[in-house]
């Protein structure tokens, strides 16, 4: 076995490399300032199984996104009007940090949480400017399945 040569360091060299108390300064953390978005959009997707709410700026960039599954509801309770109200309340609380006051509402889907979500937006302090239904409608869409032969 070959022994590695040990290096002998004088006490003067170690004293020069050790940082002193005043030399150690914690790095300053930048405080990220939230941008102010007084007017935005609320996109509500109400399906038979869930309700999603996304609050965006005028360009469609998502600021806050919430769903009833994320709010703690499981199974069939996710698609209830109560769950939609809870989801909107949670989303609006986080959107208030951005200074949001006015929203244009875009609703998609056929779930029972549609109306409750819109009412909850107004009840939680947001001024609803317009409501637009953007549910996709098939115009004689896909070819239907063949009839079953029993």
N, C-alpha and C. Protein backbone atom coordinates (compact mmCIF):
# COMPACT_ATOMS: atom_id res chain seq x y z
N UNK A 1 0.82 -1.17 0.00
CA UNK A 1 0.00 0.00 0.00
C UNK A 1 0.88 1.25 0.00
N UNK A 2 0.46 2.24 -0.76
CA UNK A 2 1.22 3.47 -0.85
C UNK A 2 0.53 4.51 0.02
N UNK A 3 1.29 5.08 0.90
CA UNK A 3 0.75 6.12 1.76
C UNK A 3 0.83 7.45 1.03
N UNK A 4 -0.25 8.23 1.14
CA UNK A 4 -0.25 9.55 0.52
C UNK A 4 0.58 10.49 1.38
N UNK A 5 1.32 11.35 0.77
CA UNK A 5 2.11 12.27 1.59
C UNK A 5 1.20 13.25 2.30
N UNK A 6 1.43 13.44 3.56
CA UNK A 6 0.60 14.37 4.32
C UNK A 6 1.13 15.77 4.13
N UNK A 7 0.24 16.70 4.02
CA UNK A 7 0.65 18.07 3.84
C UNK A 7 0.65 18.76 5.19
N UNK A 8 1.67 19.48 5.43
CA UNK A 8 1.79 20.19 6.69
C UNK A 8 1.43 21.64 6.42
N UNK A 9 0.44 22.13 7.13
CA UNK A 9 -0.04 23.50 6.94
C UNK A 9 0.32 24.28 8.17
N UNK A 10 0.94 25.40 7.94
CA UNK A 10 1.32 26.22 9.09
C UNK A 10 0.10 26.92 9.66
N UNK A 11 0.20 27.36 10.88
CA UNK A 11 -0.92 28.03 11.54
C UNK A 11 -1.20 29.38 10.90
N UNK A 12 -0.19 29.99 10.28
CA UNK A 12 -0.41 31.28 9.61
C UNK A 12 -1.28 31.10 8.38
N UNK A 13 -1.10 30.00 7.66
CA UNK A 13 -1.88 29.77 6.44
C UNK A 13 -3.33 29.49 6.77
N UNK A 14 -3.59 28.74 7.85
CA UNK A 14 -4.98 28.44 8.20
C UNK A 14 -5.69 29.67 8.73
N UNK A 15 -4.96 30.54 9.41
CA UNK A 15 -5.57 31.76 9.94
C UNK A 15 -5.98 32.69 8.81
N UNK A 16 -5.24 32.67 7.72
CA UNK A 16 -5.56 33.55 6.60
C UNK A 16 -6.78 33.05 5.83
N UNK A 17 -7.01 31.74 5.81
CA UNK A 17 -8.12 31.19 5.04
C UNK A 17 -9.42 31.10 5.83
N UNK A 18 -9.37 31.17 7.13
CA UNK A 18 -10.58 31.09 7.94
C UNK A 18 -11.34 32.41 7.85
N UNK A 19 -12.64 32.35 7.57
CA UNK A 19 -13.41 33.59 7.52
C UNK A 19 -13.66 34.13 8.91
N UNK A 20 -13.61 35.41 9.03
CA UNK A 20 -13.90 36.04 10.31
C UNK A 20 -15.38 36.29 10.43
N UNK A 21 -15.83 36.68 11.61
CA UNK A 21 -17.26 36.86 11.86
C UNK A 21 -17.85 37.98 11.00
N UNK A 22 -17.08 39.06 10.79
CA UNK A 22 -17.65 40.15 10.02
C UNK A 22 -17.59 39.88 8.51
N UNK A 23 -16.79 38.92 8.09
CA UNK A 23 -16.69 38.61 6.67
C UNK A 23 -17.86 37.75 6.20
N UNK A 24 -18.49 36.99 7.10
CA UNK A 24 -19.60 36.13 6.71
C UNK A 24 -20.88 36.95 6.75
N UNK A 25 -21.44 37.21 5.57
CA UNK A 25 -22.67 37.98 5.47
C UNK A 25 -23.69 37.13 4.72
N UNK A 26 -24.87 36.98 5.29
CA UNK A 26 -25.91 36.19 4.64
C UNK A 26 -26.37 36.90 3.37
N UNK A 27 -26.57 36.15 2.29
CA UNK A 27 -27.03 36.80 1.05
C UNK A 27 -28.43 37.36 1.22
N UNK A 28 -28.65 38.53 0.66
CA UNK A 28 -29.97 39.14 0.78
C UNK A 28 -30.94 38.48 -0.19
N UNK A 29 -32.12 38.17 0.32
CA UNK A 29 -33.15 37.56 -0.52
C UNK A 29 -33.97 38.67 -1.14
N UNK A 30 -34.21 38.54 -2.40
CA UNK A 30 -35.04 39.52 -3.08
C UNK A 30 -36.50 39.25 -2.76
N UNK A 31 -37.20 40.29 -2.43
CA UNK A 31 -38.63 40.17 -2.17
C UNK A 31 -39.32 40.33 -3.51
N UNK A 32 -40.01 39.26 -3.93
CA UNK A 32 -40.68 39.30 -5.22
C UNK A 32 -41.99 40.06 -5.07
N UNK A 33 -42.11 41.14 -5.81
CA UNK A 33 -43.31 41.96 -5.72
C UNK A 33 -44.36 41.42 -6.66
N UNK A 34 -45.55 41.16 -6.12
CA UNK A 34 -46.64 40.67 -6.95
C UNK A 34 -47.15 41.79 -7.81
N UNK A 35 -47.36 41.49 -9.07
CA UNK A 35 -47.88 42.54 -9.95
C UNK A 35 -49.36 42.75 -9.67
N UNK A 36 -49.82 43.93 -9.93
CA UNK A 36 -51.21 44.28 -9.66
C UNK A 36 -52.04 44.06 -10.92
N UNK A 37 -53.11 43.30 -10.78
CA UNK A 37 -54.01 43.00 -11.89
C UNK A 37 -55.42 43.36 -11.43
N UNK A 38 -55.85 44.61 -11.63
CA UNK A 38 -57.18 45.00 -11.13
C UNK A 38 -58.32 44.37 -11.92
N UNK A 39 -58.09 44.03 -13.18
CA UNK A 39 -59.16 43.46 -14.01
C UNK A 39 -58.64 42.18 -14.65
N UNK A 40 -59.43 41.12 -14.54
CA UNK A 40 -58.99 39.83 -15.08
C UNK A 40 -60.14 39.02 -15.62
N UNK A 41 -59.88 37.75 -15.80
CA UNK A 41 -60.87 36.82 -16.33
C UNK A 41 -61.01 35.64 -15.38
N UNK A 42 -62.22 35.11 -15.29
CA UNK A 42 -62.47 33.91 -14.49
C UNK A 42 -62.95 32.83 -15.44
N UNK A 43 -62.18 31.76 -15.55
CA UNK A 43 -62.54 30.63 -16.41
C UNK A 43 -63.05 29.52 -15.51
N UNK A 44 -64.32 29.15 -15.70
CA UNK A 44 -64.95 28.12 -14.88
C UNK A 44 -65.27 26.94 -15.77
N UNK A 45 -64.77 25.77 -15.40
CA UNK A 45 -65.11 24.56 -16.13
C UNK A 45 -65.85 23.63 -15.18
N UNK A 46 -67.13 23.46 -15.45
CA UNK A 46 -67.98 22.63 -14.59
C UNK A 46 -68.36 21.36 -15.34
N UNK A 47 -67.79 20.24 -14.94
CA UNK A 47 -68.11 18.97 -15.57
C UNK A 47 -69.03 18.18 -14.65
N UNK A 48 -69.40 16.99 -15.08
CA UNK A 48 -70.23 16.15 -14.23
C UNK A 48 -69.47 15.64 -13.03
N UNK A 49 -68.13 15.66 -13.09
CA UNK A 49 -67.32 15.08 -12.03
C UNK A 49 -66.54 16.08 -11.19
N UNK A 50 -66.36 17.32 -11.65
CA UNK A 50 -65.47 18.24 -10.96
C UNK A 50 -65.80 19.67 -11.38
N UNK A 51 -65.24 20.63 -10.68
CA UNK A 51 -65.36 22.05 -11.03
C UNK A 51 -63.98 22.68 -10.90
N UNK A 52 -63.51 23.28 -11.99
CA UNK A 52 -62.21 23.95 -12.02
C UNK A 52 -62.43 25.45 -12.18
N UNK A 53 -61.66 26.25 -11.47
CA UNK A 53 -61.71 27.70 -11.58
C UNK A 53 -60.29 28.20 -11.80
N UNK A 54 -60.10 29.01 -12.85
CA UNK A 54 -58.80 29.63 -13.11
C UNK A 54 -59.01 31.13 -13.25
N UNK A 55 -58.32 31.91 -12.45
CA UNK A 55 -58.39 33.36 -12.55
C UNK A 55 -57.13 33.83 -13.28
N UNK A 56 -57.33 34.58 -14.36
CA UNK A 56 -56.23 34.98 -15.22
C UNK A 56 -56.21 36.50 -15.38
N UNK A 57 -55.13 37.00 -15.97
CA UNK A 57 -55.10 38.41 -16.34
C UNK A 57 -55.80 38.58 -17.68
N UNK A 58 -55.78 39.77 -18.23
CA UNK A 58 -56.49 40.03 -19.49
C UNK A 58 -55.89 39.26 -20.66
N UNK A 59 -54.62 38.90 -20.57
CA UNK A 59 -53.98 38.15 -21.64
C UNK A 59 -54.19 36.65 -21.55
N UNK A 60 -54.83 36.18 -20.48
CA UNK A 60 -55.07 34.76 -20.31
C UNK A 60 -53.99 34.04 -19.52
N UNK A 61 -53.04 34.77 -18.95
CA UNK A 61 -51.99 34.15 -18.14
C UNK A 61 -52.54 33.83 -16.75
N UNK A 62 -52.46 32.57 -16.36
CA UNK A 62 -53.10 32.10 -15.13
C UNK A 62 -52.39 32.67 -13.91
N UNK A 63 -53.17 33.29 -13.03
CA UNK A 63 -52.66 33.80 -11.75
C UNK A 63 -52.97 32.80 -10.64
N UNK A 64 -54.21 32.29 -10.63
CA UNK A 64 -54.66 31.38 -9.58
C UNK A 64 -55.48 30.27 -10.24
N UNK A 65 -55.23 29.05 -9.86
CA UNK A 65 -55.99 27.92 -10.39
C UNK A 65 -56.41 27.04 -9.21
N UNK A 66 -57.66 26.61 -9.21
CA UNK A 66 -58.17 25.81 -8.11
C UNK A 66 -59.20 24.84 -8.63
N UNK A 67 -59.35 23.70 -7.97
CA UNK A 67 -60.39 22.74 -8.33
C UNK A 67 -60.99 22.16 -7.06
N UNK A 68 -62.14 21.51 -7.20
CA UNK A 68 -62.79 20.99 -6.00
C UNK A 68 -62.03 19.79 -5.44
N UNK A 69 -61.30 19.07 -6.26
CA UNK A 69 -60.46 17.99 -5.74
C UNK A 69 -59.32 18.55 -4.89
N UNK A 70 -58.76 19.68 -5.32
CA UNK A 70 -57.69 20.31 -4.56
C UNK A 70 -58.22 20.92 -3.26
N UNK A 71 -59.50 21.28 -3.24
CA UNK A 71 -60.10 21.85 -2.04
C UNK A 71 -60.44 20.79 -0.99
N UNK A 72 -60.22 19.52 -1.32
CA UNK A 72 -60.42 18.46 -0.33
C UNK A 72 -61.66 17.62 -0.54
N UNK A 73 -62.42 17.86 -1.60
CA UNK A 73 -63.61 17.05 -1.86
C UNK A 73 -63.20 15.80 -2.64
N UNK A 74 -63.89 14.70 -2.34
CA UNK A 74 -63.60 13.45 -3.04
C UNK A 74 -64.89 12.85 -3.58
N UNK A 75 -64.74 12.11 -4.66
CA UNK A 75 -65.87 11.36 -5.21
C UNK A 75 -66.96 12.25 -5.75
N UNK A 76 -68.21 11.86 -5.53
CA UNK A 76 -69.33 12.61 -6.11
C UNK A 76 -69.53 14.00 -5.50
N UNK A 77 -68.93 14.26 -4.33
CA UNK A 77 -69.10 15.59 -3.71
C UNK A 77 -68.34 16.67 -4.46
N UNK A 78 -67.40 16.28 -5.33
CA UNK A 78 -66.62 17.27 -6.08
C UNK A 78 -67.50 18.06 -7.05
N UNK A 79 -68.56 17.46 -7.54
CA UNK A 79 -69.38 18.10 -8.56
C UNK A 79 -70.60 18.83 -8.00
N UNK A 80 -70.63 19.09 -6.70
CA UNK A 80 -71.80 19.74 -6.10
C UNK A 80 -71.67 21.26 -6.17
N UNK A 81 -72.79 21.97 -6.09
CA UNK A 81 -72.73 23.43 -6.05
C UNK A 81 -71.98 23.97 -4.83
N UNK A 82 -72.07 23.28 -3.71
CA UNK A 82 -71.34 23.72 -2.52
C UNK A 82 -69.83 23.67 -2.77
N UNK A 83 -69.37 22.59 -3.38
CA UNK A 83 -67.94 22.47 -3.68
C UNK A 83 -67.49 23.58 -4.63
N UNK A 84 -68.33 23.94 -5.58
CA UNK A 84 -67.99 25.02 -6.51
C UNK A 84 -67.83 26.34 -5.76
N UNK A 85 -68.71 26.59 -4.78
CA UNK A 85 -68.60 27.81 -3.99
C UNK A 85 -67.34 27.86 -3.16
N UNK A 86 -66.95 26.71 -2.59
CA UNK A 86 -65.73 26.64 -1.79
C UNK A 86 -64.50 26.87 -2.67
N UNK A 87 -64.53 26.32 -3.86
CA UNK A 87 -63.41 26.47 -4.79
C UNK A 87 -63.24 27.93 -5.18
N UNK A 88 -64.34 28.59 -5.49
CA UNK A 88 -64.27 30.01 -5.89
C UNK A 88 -63.79 30.86 -4.71
N UNK A 89 -64.25 30.58 -3.51
CA UNK A 89 -63.83 31.35 -2.34
C UNK A 89 -62.31 31.24 -2.15
N UNK A 90 -61.78 30.02 -2.28
CA UNK A 90 -60.34 29.83 -2.12
C UNK A 90 -59.56 30.55 -3.23
N UNK A 91 -60.07 30.49 -4.45
CA UNK A 91 -59.38 31.14 -5.57
C UNK A 91 -59.41 32.66 -5.44
N UNK A 92 -60.54 33.21 -5.01
CA UNK A 92 -60.67 34.66 -4.88
C UNK A 92 -59.77 35.18 -3.77
N UNK A 93 -59.63 34.44 -2.68
CA UNK A 93 -58.74 34.86 -1.58
C UNK A 93 -57.31 35.03 -2.09
N UNK A 94 -56.87 34.09 -2.92
CA UNK A 94 -55.51 34.19 -3.45
C UNK A 94 -55.41 35.25 -4.54
N UNK A 95 -56.49 35.51 -5.26
CA UNK A 95 -56.45 36.52 -6.33
C UNK A 95 -56.49 37.93 -5.75
N UNK A 96 -56.99 38.09 -4.53
CA UNK A 96 -57.02 39.41 -3.90
C UNK A 96 -55.60 39.92 -3.66
N UNK A 97 -54.62 39.00 -3.53
CA UNK A 97 -53.23 39.41 -3.37
C UNK A 97 -52.72 40.15 -4.61
N UNK A 98 -53.32 39.87 -5.75
CA UNK A 98 -52.96 40.56 -6.99
C UNK A 98 -53.76 41.84 -7.19
N UNK A 99 -54.66 42.15 -6.29
CA UNK A 99 -55.46 43.35 -6.40
C UNK A 99 -56.62 43.22 -7.37
N UNK A 100 -57.08 42.01 -7.63
CA UNK A 100 -58.15 41.80 -8.62
C UNK A 100 -59.48 42.26 -8.05
N UNK A 101 -60.20 43.07 -8.83
CA UNK A 101 -61.52 43.56 -8.42
C UNK A 101 -62.61 43.23 -9.43
N UNK A 102 -62.29 43.30 -10.72
CA UNK A 102 -63.28 43.09 -11.78
C UNK A 102 -62.90 41.85 -12.58
N UNK A 103 -63.92 41.05 -12.94
CA UNK A 103 -63.66 39.85 -13.75
C UNK A 103 -64.70 39.72 -14.86
N UNK A 104 -64.24 39.17 -15.96
CA UNK A 104 -65.12 38.70 -17.02
C UNK A 104 -65.17 37.19 -16.87
N UNK A 105 -66.36 36.62 -16.86
CA UNK A 105 -66.51 35.20 -16.56
C UNK A 105 -66.73 34.42 -17.86
N UNK A 106 -65.97 33.34 -18.02
CA UNK A 106 -66.13 32.41 -19.14
C UNK A 106 -66.47 31.05 -18.55
N UNK A 107 -67.64 30.53 -18.89
CA UNK A 107 -68.13 29.28 -18.32
C UNK A 107 -68.10 28.20 -19.39
N UNK A 108 -67.57 27.04 -19.02
CA UNK A 108 -67.53 25.91 -19.95
C UNK A 108 -68.02 24.68 -19.22
N UNK A 109 -68.87 23.90 -19.86
CA UNK A 109 -69.33 22.64 -19.29
C UNK A 109 -70.78 22.68 -18.86
N UNK A 110 -71.27 21.51 -18.45
CA UNK A 110 -72.69 21.34 -18.15
C UNK A 110 -72.93 20.90 -16.71
N UNK A 111 -71.94 21.00 -15.86
CA UNK A 111 -72.08 20.53 -14.49
C UNK A 111 -72.98 21.43 -13.65
N UNK A 112 -73.33 20.94 -12.46
CA UNK A 112 -74.24 21.68 -11.59
C UNK A 112 -73.53 22.81 -10.85
N UNK A 113 -72.19 22.89 -10.95
CA UNK A 113 -71.45 23.94 -10.26
C UNK A 113 -71.36 25.24 -11.03
N UNK A 114 -71.95 25.31 -12.23
CA UNK A 114 -71.86 26.52 -13.06
C UNK A 114 -72.42 27.74 -12.34
N UNK A 115 -73.70 27.67 -12.01
CA UNK A 115 -74.39 28.81 -11.42
C UNK A 115 -73.80 29.17 -10.05
N UNK A 116 -73.51 28.14 -9.26
CA UNK A 116 -72.98 28.38 -7.91
C UNK A 116 -71.63 29.08 -7.98
N UNK A 117 -70.81 28.74 -8.96
CA UNK A 117 -69.50 29.35 -9.07
C UNK A 117 -69.61 30.83 -9.44
N UNK A 118 -70.53 31.15 -10.34
CA UNK A 118 -70.71 32.56 -10.75
C UNK A 118 -71.25 33.38 -9.57
N UNK A 119 -72.21 32.82 -8.84
CA UNK A 119 -72.76 33.52 -7.68
C UNK A 119 -71.70 33.71 -6.60
N UNK A 120 -70.83 32.71 -6.44
CA UNK A 120 -69.78 32.81 -5.43
C UNK A 120 -68.75 33.87 -5.80
N UNK A 121 -68.49 34.07 -7.09
CA UNK A 121 -67.57 35.14 -7.50
C UNK A 121 -68.09 36.49 -7.02
N UNK A 122 -69.37 36.72 -7.25
CA UNK A 122 -69.97 38.00 -6.84
C UNK A 122 -70.03 38.11 -5.32
N UNK A 123 -70.36 37.00 -4.65
CA UNK A 123 -70.52 37.02 -3.19
C UNK A 123 -69.18 37.24 -2.47
N UNK A 124 -68.07 36.88 -3.12
CA UNK A 124 -66.75 37.02 -2.48
C UNK A 124 -66.06 38.32 -2.85
N UNK A 125 -66.79 39.27 -3.39
CA UNK A 125 -66.25 40.61 -3.56
C UNK A 125 -65.71 40.96 -4.92
N UNK A 126 -65.88 40.10 -5.92
CA UNK A 126 -65.44 40.45 -7.27
C UNK A 126 -66.61 41.01 -8.05
N UNK A 127 -66.35 42.05 -8.83
CA UNK A 127 -67.37 42.66 -9.66
C UNK A 127 -67.42 41.91 -10.99
N UNK A 128 -68.55 41.25 -11.28
CA UNK A 128 -68.69 40.47 -12.51
C UNK A 128 -69.12 41.42 -13.62
N UNK A 129 -68.26 41.59 -14.63
CA UNK A 129 -68.54 42.50 -15.74
C UNK A 129 -69.36 41.84 -16.83
N UNK A 130 -69.04 40.60 -17.17
CA UNK A 130 -69.78 39.90 -18.22
C UNK A 130 -69.68 38.41 -17.97
N UNK A 131 -70.65 37.68 -18.51
CA UNK A 131 -70.67 36.22 -18.41
C UNK A 131 -70.82 35.68 -19.83
N UNK A 132 -69.91 34.80 -20.22
CA UNK A 132 -69.95 34.23 -21.56
C UNK A 132 -69.85 32.72 -21.47
N UNK A 133 -70.76 32.02 -22.16
CA UNK A 133 -70.74 30.56 -22.17
C UNK A 133 -69.90 30.10 -23.37
N UNK A 134 -68.83 29.38 -23.09
CA UNK A 134 -67.96 28.90 -24.17
C UNK A 134 -67.96 27.37 -24.23
N UNK A 135 -69.09 26.76 -23.86
CA UNK A 135 -69.21 25.31 -23.92
C UNK A 135 -69.13 24.86 -25.37
N UNK A 136 -68.25 23.91 -25.69
CA UNK A 136 -68.16 23.45 -27.08
C UNK A 136 -69.42 22.69 -27.48
N UNK A 137 -69.96 23.03 -28.64
CA UNK A 137 -71.18 22.39 -29.14
C UNK A 137 -70.84 21.70 -30.46
N UNK A 138 -71.10 20.40 -30.57
CA UNK A 138 -70.81 19.73 -31.85
C UNK A 138 -71.85 20.10 -32.90
N UNK A 139 -71.40 20.52 -34.06
CA UNK A 139 -72.31 20.81 -35.17
C UNK A 139 -72.29 19.59 -36.08
N UNK A 140 -73.13 18.61 -35.72
CA UNK A 140 -73.19 17.33 -36.42
C UNK A 140 -71.82 16.67 -36.42
N UNK A 141 -71.17 16.65 -35.26
CA UNK A 141 -69.79 16.24 -35.05
C UNK A 141 -69.39 14.87 -35.55
N UNK A 142 -68.98 13.99 -34.67
CA UNK A 142 -68.44 12.69 -35.04
C UNK A 142 -69.55 11.75 -35.49
N UNK A 143 -69.14 10.75 -36.22
CA UNK A 143 -70.09 9.75 -36.67
C UNK A 143 -70.52 8.90 -35.48
N UNK A 144 -71.84 8.65 -35.34
CA UNK A 144 -72.30 7.88 -34.18
C UNK A 144 -71.89 6.41 -34.30
N UNK A 145 -71.92 5.72 -33.16
CA UNK A 145 -71.61 4.29 -33.14
C UNK A 145 -72.67 3.52 -33.90
N UNK A 146 -72.27 2.34 -34.33
CA UNK A 146 -73.25 1.48 -35.04
C UNK A 146 -74.28 0.98 -34.06
N UNK A 147 -75.49 0.69 -34.50
CA UNK A 147 -76.50 0.14 -33.58
C UNK A 147 -76.13 -1.27 -33.13
N UNK A 148 -76.41 -1.57 -31.88
CA UNK A 148 -76.10 -2.91 -31.36
C UNK A 148 -77.06 -3.94 -31.90
N UNK A 149 -76.53 -5.14 -32.20
CA UNK A 149 -77.38 -6.25 -32.61
C UNK A 149 -77.51 -7.18 -31.42
N UNK A 150 -78.71 -7.33 -30.93
CA UNK A 150 -78.91 -8.13 -29.73
C UNK A 150 -79.47 -9.47 -30.09
